[in-house]
Amino acid sequence: MRASGLILVAGLAGRALSHGGDHGAGSQRPMVDEHASWMEKHMAEEHHLTGFDAASFFALHDFDADGNWEAREILRTYGLMDESNKHVTPERREAIVHEILGLLDTNRDGIVSRDEFVQFIDADGKTLPDVGTGPGHHGDDEYEYEIHHWEKFHDENTKLEDLTHPEDIEHFKKHEELEEEQDRLDAMNKRAIVEENIPSKFRRD
């Protein structure tokens, strides 16, 4: 493992500590009842939060912070930008957006405002439906690895030789590939002429 891998392990351990990692692996996600709503399960699993209100849920998932919930943000909240849902067809994605807008978009302008969301959740006492796409993974690779694997199986006492799970191997393999590609690009940038960028008809045989 390269030096950056060591740094990543140390960083994850530090983040586990900051989350209260001394309670042991897997203790970070709040426990929710199996009959809890999709929103409650999502907030517990993806954000490690309970006791939220509609306004805070909306703000957390208003990814561009423009005060509205557009189609792309609905898809991302439901995990449809994540690799785990790459199999979901465009038609199904469109149907999900249509379903959510049908519930929340009361003025039918194609977006959900904060007020519309709060009205639906807090005033009307309703909740977002489970559309069958999982808990809604929408973090980057590092975040998803941390909360869905590291915190379940590792903690601040984890050693390099303990990182043998398939998820660990795949995660660090991605890091190695990214570093190798960066090294290749750095080497190319140092060359006066990059042969690969010269059209073949102008190259010397």
C-alpha atoms as a PDB file:
ATOM      1  CA  MET A   1       0.000   0.000   0.000  1.00  0.00           C
ATOM      2  CA  ARG A   2       1.345   3.424  -0.900  1.00  0.00           C
ATOM      3  CA  ALA A   3       1.812   6.268   1.550  1.00  0.00           C
ATOM      4  CA  SER A   4      -1.546   7.766   0.613  1.00  0.00           C
ATOM      5  CA  GLY A   5      -3.194   4.499   1.642  1.00  0.00           C
ATOM      6  CA  LEU A   6      -1.635   4.841   5.083  1.00  0.00           C
ATOM      7  CA  ILE A   7      -2.864   8.428   5.279  1.00  0.00           C
ATOM      8  CA  LEU A   8      -6.372   7.350   4.286  1.00  0.00           C
ATOM      9  CA  VAL A   9      -6.475   4.669   6.974  1.00  0.00           C
ATOM     10  CA  ALA A  10      -5.304   7.178   9.573  1.00  0.00           C
ATOM     11  CA  GLY A  11      -7.869   9.684   8.365  1.00  0.00           C
ATOM     12  CA  LEU A  12     -10.723   7.202   8.558  1.00  0.00           C
ATOM     13  CA  ALA A  13      -9.666   6.186  12.043  1.00  0.00           C
ATOM     14  CA  GLY A  14      -9.637   9.846  13.065  1.00  0.00           C
ATOM     15  CA  ARG A  15     -13.106  10.368  11.662  1.00  0.00           C
ATOM     16  CA  ALA A  16     -14.340   7.275  13.508  1.00  0.00           C
ATOM     17  CA  LEU A  17     -12.954   8.763  16.713  1.00  0.00           C
ATOM     18  CA  SER A  18     -14.677  12.066  16.027  1.00  0.00           C
ATOM     19  CA  HIS A  19     -17.941  10.141  15.638  1.00  0.00           C
ATOM     20  CA  GLY A  20     -17.387   8.380  18.932  1.00  0.00           C
ATOM     21  CA  GLY A  21     -15.467   5.424  17.532  1.00  0.00           C
ATOM     22  CA  ASP A  22     -14.470   4.188  20.984  1.00  0.00           C
ATOM     23  CA  HIS A  23     -17.838   2.476  21.191  1.00  0.00           C
ATOM     24  CA  GLY A  24     -16.643  -0.116  18.705  1.00  0.00           C
ATOM     25  CA  ALA A  25     -17.199  -0.868  15.037  1.00  0.00           C
ATOM     26  CA  GLY A  26     -20.736  -0.642  13.750  1.00  0.00           C
ATOM     27  CA  SER A  27     -22.045   1.490  16.631  1.00  0.00           C
ATOM     28  CA  GLN A  28     -22.299   4.766  14.753  1.00  0.00           C
ATOM     29  CA  ARG A  29     -25.566   4.357  12.870  1.00  0.00           C
ATOM     30  CA  PRO A  30     -28.621   5.095  15.034  1.00  0.00           C
ATOM     31  CA  MET A  31     -30.931   2.141  15.406  1.00  0.00           C
ATOM     32  CA  VAL A  32     -34.385   2.567  13.886  1.00  0.00           C
ATOM     33  CA  ASP A  33     -37.411   0.333  14.054  1.00  0.00           C
ATOM     34  CA  GLU A  34     -37.942  -1.973  11.090  1.00  0.00           C
ATOM     35  CA  HIS A  35     -41.289  -0.278  10.566  1.00  0.00           C
ATOM     36  CA  ALA A  36     -39.755   3.209  10.467  1.00  0.00           C
ATOM     37  CA  SER A  37     -40.420   5.364   7.424  1.00  0.00           C
ATOM     38  CA  TRP A  38     -38.010   5.471   4.488  1.00  0.00           C
ATOM     39  CA  MET A  39     -37.001   8.994   5.521  1.00  0.00           C
ATOM     40  CA  GLU A  40     -36.099   7.836   9.041  1.00  0.00           C
ATOM     41  CA  LYS A  41     -34.096   4.888   7.715  1.00  0.00           C
ATOM     42  CA  HIS A  42     -32.361   7.119   5.182  1.00  0.00           C
ATOM     43  CA  MET A  43     -31.356   9.713   7.764  1.00  0.00           C
ATOM     44  CA  ALA A  44     -30.109   7.037  10.173  1.00  0.00           C
ATOM     45  CA  GLU A  45     -28.131   5.047   7.610  1.00  0.00           C
ATOM     46  CA  GLU A  46     -26.866   7.793   5.322  1.00  0.00           C
ATOM     47  CA  HIS A  47     -26.444  10.676   7.749  1.00  0.00           C
ATOM     48  CA  HIS A  48     -26.398   9.068  11.228  1.00  0.00           C
ATOM     49  CA  LEU A  49     -29.132  11.443  12.331  1.00  0.00           C
ATOM     50  CA  THR A  50     -32.420  11.089  14.183  1.00  0.00           C
ATOM     51  CA  GLY A  51     -34.913  13.629  15.454  1.00  0.00           C
ATOM     52  CA  PHE A  52     -34.868  15.705  12.241  1.00  0.00           C
ATOM     53  CA  ASP A  53     -37.643  17.909  10.912  1.00  0.00           C
ATOM     54  CA  ALA A  54     -38.854  18.586   7.391  1.00  0.00           C
ATOM     55  CA  ALA A  55     -36.879  21.804   6.979  1.00  0.00           C
ATOM     56  CA  SER A  56     -33.593  20.168   7.975  1.00  0.00           C
ATOM     57  CA  PHE A  57     -34.206  17.166   5.696  1.00  0.00           C
ATOM     58  CA  PHE A  58     -34.952  19.512   2.816  1.00  0.00           C
ATOM     59  CA  ALA A  59     -31.878  21.678   3.418  1.00  0.00           C
ATOM     60  CA  LEU A  60     -29.648  18.605   3.617  1.00  0.00           C
ATOM     61  CA  HIS A  61     -30.892  17.361   0.242  1.00  0.00           C
ATOM     62  CA  ASP A  62     -31.125  20.704  -1.540  1.00  0.00           C
ATOM     63  CA  PHE A  63     -27.714  19.917  -3.007  1.00  0.00           C
ATOM     64  CA  ASP A  64     -27.298  23.151  -4.962  1.00  0.00           C
ATOM     65  CA  ALA A  65     -28.755  25.238  -2.108  1.00  0.00           C
ATOM     66  CA  ASP A  66     -31.112  27.161  -4.360  1.00  0.00           C
ATOM     67  CA  GLY A  67     -34.187  26.659  -2.183  1.00  0.00           C
ATOM     68  CA  ASN A  68     -35.849  24.207  -4.561  1.00  0.00           C
ATOM     69  CA  TRP A  69     -35.862  20.462  -5.076  1.00  0.00           C
ATOM     70  CA  GLU A  70     -35.475  19.644  -8.753  1.00  0.00           C
ATOM     71  CA  ALA A  71     -35.669  16.298 -10.562  1.00  0.00           C
ATOM     72  CA  ARG A  72     -31.932  15.663 -10.305  1.00  0.00           C
ATOM     73  CA  GLU A  73     -31.972  16.249  -6.553  1.00  0.00           C
ATOM     74  CA  ILE A  74     -34.887  13.867  -6.126  1.00  0.00           C
ATOM     75  CA  LEU A  75     -32.967  11.190  -8.023  1.00  0.00           C
ATOM     76  CA  ARG A  76     -29.818  11.798  -6.012  1.00  0.00           C
ATOM     77  CA  THR A  77     -31.690  11.683  -2.687  1.00  0.00           C
ATOM     78  CA  TYR A  78     -33.108   8.293  -3.643  1.00  0.00           C
ATOM     79  CA  GLY A  79     -29.650   7.014  -4.545  1.00  0.00           C
ATOM     80  CA  LEU A  80     -30.207   6.968  -8.281  1.00  0.00           C
ATOM     81  CA  MET A  81     -26.887   8.679  -8.998  1.00  0.00           C
ATOM     82  CA  ASP A  82     -25.105   5.912  -7.111  1.00  0.00           C
ATOM     83  CA  GLU A  83     -23.408   2.920  -8.725  1.00  0.00           C
ATOM     84  CA  SER A  84     -25.666   0.569  -6.760  1.00  0.00           C
ATOM     85  CA  ASN A  85     -28.660   1.735  -8.826  1.00  0.00           C
ATOM     86  CA  LYS A  86     -27.057   1.834 -12.267  1.00  0.00           C
ATOM     87  CA  HIS A  87     -29.472  -0.901 -13.362  1.00  0.00           C
ATOM     88  CA  VAL A  88     -32.537   1.325 -12.869  1.00  0.00           C
ATOM     89  CA  THR A  89     -33.918   2.231 -16.283  1.00  0.00           C
ATOM     90  CA  PRO A  90     -34.449   5.806 -17.473  1.00  0.00           C
ATOM     91  CA  GLU A  91     -38.170   5.083 -17.591  1.00  0.00           C
ATOM     92  CA  ARG A  92     -38.224   4.010 -13.947  1.00  0.00           C
ATOM     93  CA  ARG A  93     -36.199   7.075 -12.939  1.00  0.00           C
ATOM     94  CA  GLU A  94     -38.661   9.322 -14.738  1.00  0.00           C
ATOM     95  CA  ALA A  95     -41.565   7.539 -13.054  1.00  0.00           C
ATOM     96  CA  ILE A  96     -40.006   8.082  -9.612  1.00  0.00           C
ATOM     97  CA  VAL A  97     -39.551  11.797 -10.242  1.00  0.00           C
ATOM     98  CA  HIS A  98     -43.134  11.987 -11.515  1.00  0.00           C
ATOM     99  CA  GLU A  99     -44.415  10.201  -8.394  1.00  0.00           C
ATOM    100  CA  ILE A 100     -42.558  12.495  -5.994  1.00  0.00           C
ATOM    101  CA  LEU A 101     -43.551  15.656  -7.840  1.00  0.00           C
ATOM    102  CA  GLY A 102     -47.131  14.413  -7.874  1.00  0.00           C
ATOM    103  CA  LEU A 103     -47.063  14.243  -4.084  1.00  0.00           C
ATOM    104  CA  LEU A 104     -45.170  17.430  -3.284  1.00  0.00           C
ATOM    105  CA  ASP A 105     -45.414  19.888  -6.170  1.00  0.00           C
ATOM    106  CA  THR A 106     -48.780  21.413  -5.346  1.00  0.00           C
ATOM    107  CA  ASN A 107     -48.516  24.370  -7.740  1.00  0.00           C
ATOM    108  CA  ARG A 108     -47.357  22.084 -10.573  1.00  0.00           C
ATOM    109  CA  ASP A 109     -44.337  24.157 -11.610  1.00  0.00           C
ATOM    110  CA  GLY A 110     -42.051  21.115 -11.911  1.00  0.00           C
ATOM    111  CA  ILE A 111     -40.041  21.738  -8.747  1.00  0.00           C
ATOM    112  CA  VAL A 112     -40.597  21.337  -5.012  1.00  0.00           C
ATOM    113  CA  SER A 113     -40.151  24.438  -2.888  1.00  0.00           C
ATOM    114  CA  ARG A 114     -39.113  24.329   0.750  1.00  0.00           C
ATOM    115  CA  ASP A 115     -42.607  25.476   1.750  1.00  0.00           C
ATOM    116  CA  GLU A 116     -44.254  22.706  -0.272  1.00  0.00           C
ATOM    117  CA  PHE A 117     -41.973  20.124   1.317  1.00  0.00           C
ATOM    118  CA  VAL A 118     -42.580  21.356   4.863  1.00  0.00           C
ATOM    119  CA  GLN A 119     -46.343  21.491   4.222  1.00  0.00           C
ATOM    120  CA  PHE A 120     -46.363  17.873   3.023  1.00  0.00           C
ATOM    121  CA  ILE A 121     -44.215  16.477   5.842  1.00  0.00           C
ATOM    122  CA  ASP A 122     -44.953  18.622   8.903  1.00  0.00           C
ATOM    123  CA  ALA A 123     -48.386  20.132   8.286  1.00  0.00           C
ATOM    124  CA  ASP A 124     -49.980  17.191   6.453  1.00  0.00           C
ATOM    125  CA  GLY A 125     -48.150  14.567   8.517  1.00  0.00           C
ATOM    126  CA  LYS A 126     -46.995  12.566   5.515  1.00  0.00           C
ATOM    127  CA  THR A 127     -43.628  11.088   4.539  1.00  0.00           C
ATOM    128  CA  LEU A 128     -41.632  10.346   1.419  1.00  0.00           C
ATOM    129  CA  PRO A 129     -42.425   6.913  -0.005  1.00  0.00           C
ATOM    130  CA  ASP A 130     -40.002   4.022  -0.337  1.00  0.00           C
ATOM    131  CA  VAL A 131     -39.603   3.648  -4.101  1.00  0.00           C
ATOM    132  CA  GLY A 132     -37.566   0.452  -3.877  1.00  0.00           C
ATOM    133  CA  THR A 133     -34.124   1.869  -4.655  1.00  0.00           C
ATOM    134  CA  GLY A 134     -32.518   1.213  -1.291  1.00  0.00           C
ATOM    135  CA  PRO A 135     -31.677   3.624   1.509  1.00  0.00           C
ATOM    136  CA  GLY A 136     -30.552   6.414  -0.840  1.00  0.00           C
ATOM    137  CA  HIS A 137     -26.773   6.298  -1.170  1.00  0.00           C
ATOM    138  CA  HIS A 138     -25.713   9.725  -2.373  1.00  0.00           C
ATOM    139  CA  GLY A 139     -22.299  10.471  -0.895  1.00  0.00           C
ATOM    140  CA  ASP A 140     -18.971  10.292  -2.707  1.00  0.00           C
ATOM    141  CA  ASP A 141     -16.912   7.074  -2.680  1.00  0.00           C
ATOM    142  CA  GLU A 142     -15.032   8.017   0.483  1.00  0.00           C
ATOM    143  CA  TYR A 143     -18.195   8.831   2.403  1.00  0.00           C
ATOM    144  CA  GLU A 144     -20.007   5.686   1.283  1.00  0.00           C
ATOM    145  CA  TYR A 145     -17.009   3.490   2.143  1.00  0.00           C
ATOM    146  CA  GLU A 146     -16.716   5.079   5.572  1.00  0.00           C
ATOM    147  CA  ILE A 147     -20.320   4.807   6.706  1.00  0.00           C
ATOM    148  CA  HIS A 148     -21.290   1.551   5.003  1.00  0.00           C
ATOM    149  CA  HIS A 149     -18.126  -0.455   5.573  1.00  0.00           C
ATOM    150  CA  TRP A 150     -15.448   1.148   7.745  1.00  0.00           C
ATOM    151  CA  GLU A 151     -17.734   1.992  10.649  1.00  0.00           C
ATOM    152  CA  LYS A 152     -19.373  -1.456  10.557  1.00  0.00           C
ATOM    153  CA  PHE A 153     -16.220  -3.561  10.515  1.00  0.00           C
ATOM    154  CA  HIS A 154     -13.299  -1.362  11.586  1.00  0.00           C
ATOM    155  CA  ASP A 155     -12.404   1.277  14.137  1.00  0.00           C
ATOM    156  CA  GLU A 156      -9.457   3.424  15.255  1.00  0.00           C
ATOM    157  CA  ASN A 157      -7.552   0.279  16.278  1.00  0.00           C
ATOM    158  CA  THR A 158      -7.665  -1.246  12.795  1.00  0.00           C
ATOM    159  CA  LYS A 159      -4.272  -2.203  11.376  1.00  0.00           C
ATOM    160  CA  LEU A 160      -3.313  -2.328   7.713  1.00  0.00           C
ATOM    161  CA  GLU A 161      -3.169  -6.118   7.802  1.00  0.00           C
ATOM    162  CA  ASP A 162      -6.805  -6.172   8.975  1.00  0.00           C
ATOM    163  CA  LEU A 163      -8.067  -4.489   5.793  1.00  0.00           C
ATOM    164  CA  THR A 164      -8.774  -7.723   3.961  1.00  0.00           C
ATOM    165  CA  HIS A 165     -12.479  -7.502   3.223  1.00  0.00           C
ATOM    166  CA  PRO A 166     -13.457  -7.367  -0.480  1.00  0.00           C
ATOM    167  CA  GLU A 167     -14.758  -3.831   0.105  1.00  0.00           C
ATOM    168  CA  ASP A 168     -11.386  -2.778   1.531  1.00  0.00           C
ATOM    169  CA  ILE A 169      -9.460  -4.308  -1.352  1.00  0.00           C
ATOM    170  CA  GLU A 170     -11.715  -2.718  -3.969  1.00  0.00           C
ATOM    171  CA  HIS A 171     -11.601   0.675  -2.250  1.00  0.00           C
ATOM    172  CA  PHE A 172      -7.819   0.826  -2.023  1.00  0.00           C
ATOM    173  CA  LYS A 173      -7.481  -0.584  -5.533  1.00  0.00           C
ATOM    174  CA  LYS A 174      -9.408   2.462  -6.789  1.00  0.00           C
ATOM    175  CA  HIS A 175      -7.009   4.700  -4.890  1.00  0.00           C
ATOM    176  CA  GLU A 176      -4.017   2.966  -6.467  1.00  0.00           C
ATOM    177  CA  GLU A 177      -5.499   3.322  -9.957  1.00  0.00           C
ATOM    178  CA  LEU A 178      -6.218   7.014  -9.453  1.00  0.00           C
ATOM    179  CA  GLU A 179      -2.694   7.608  -8.174  1.00  0.00           C
ATOM    180  CA  GLU A 180      -1.142   5.698 -11.077  1.00  0.00           C
ATOM    181  CA  GLU A 181      -3.181   7.726 -13.558  1.00  0.00           C
ATOM    182  CA  GLN A 182      -2.128  10.959 -11.844  1.00  0.00           C
ATOM    183  CA  ASP A 183       1.510   9.856 -11.972  1.00  0.00           C
ATOM    184  CA  ARG A 184       1.137   9.139 -15.695  1.00  0.00           C
ATOM    185  CA  LEU A 185      -0.398  12.553 -16.356  1.00  0.00           C
ATOM    186  CA  ASP A 186       2.294  14.278 -14.299  1.00  0.00           C
ATOM    187  CA  ALA A 187       4.993  12.494 -16.299  1.00  0.00           C
ATOM    188  CA  MET A 188       3.361  13.490 -19.581  1.00  0.00           C
ATOM    189  CA  ASN A 189       3.120  17.109 -18.481  1.00  0.00           C
ATOM    190  CA  LYS A 190       6.853  17.169 -17.813  1.00  0.00           C
ATOM    191  CA  ARG A 191       7.670  16.112 -21.361  1.00  0.00           C
ATOM    192  CA  ALA A 192       8.273  18.880 -23.903  1.00  0.00           C
ATOM    193  CA  ILE A 193       6.274  17.010 -26.547  1.00  0.00           C
ATOM    194  CA  VAL A 194       3.632  14.426 -25.744  1.00  0.00           C
ATOM    195  CA  GLU A 195       3.881  11.904 -28.570  1.00  0.00           C
ATOM    196  CA  GLU A 196       0.460  10.449 -27.861  1.00  0.00           C
ATOM    197  CA  ASN A 197      -1.110  13.826 -28.669  1.00  0.00           C
ATOM    198  CA  ILE A 198       0.487  14.056 -32.124  1.00  0.00           C
ATOM    199  CA  PRO A 199      -1.785  12.845 -34.960  1.00  0.00           C
ATOM    200  CA  SER A 200      -0.404   9.600 -36.364  1.00  0.00           C
ATOM    201  CA  LYS A 201       0.150  11.067 -39.858  1.00  0.00           C
ATOM    202  CA  PHE A 202       2.666  13.515 -38.402  1.00  0.00           C
ATOM    203  CA  ARG A 203       4.594  10.988 -36.357  1.00  0.00           C
ATOM    204  CA  ARG A 204       7.938   9.553 -37.412  1.00  0.00           C
ATOM    205  CA  ASP A 205       7.923   5.826 -38.018  1.00  0.00           C
END
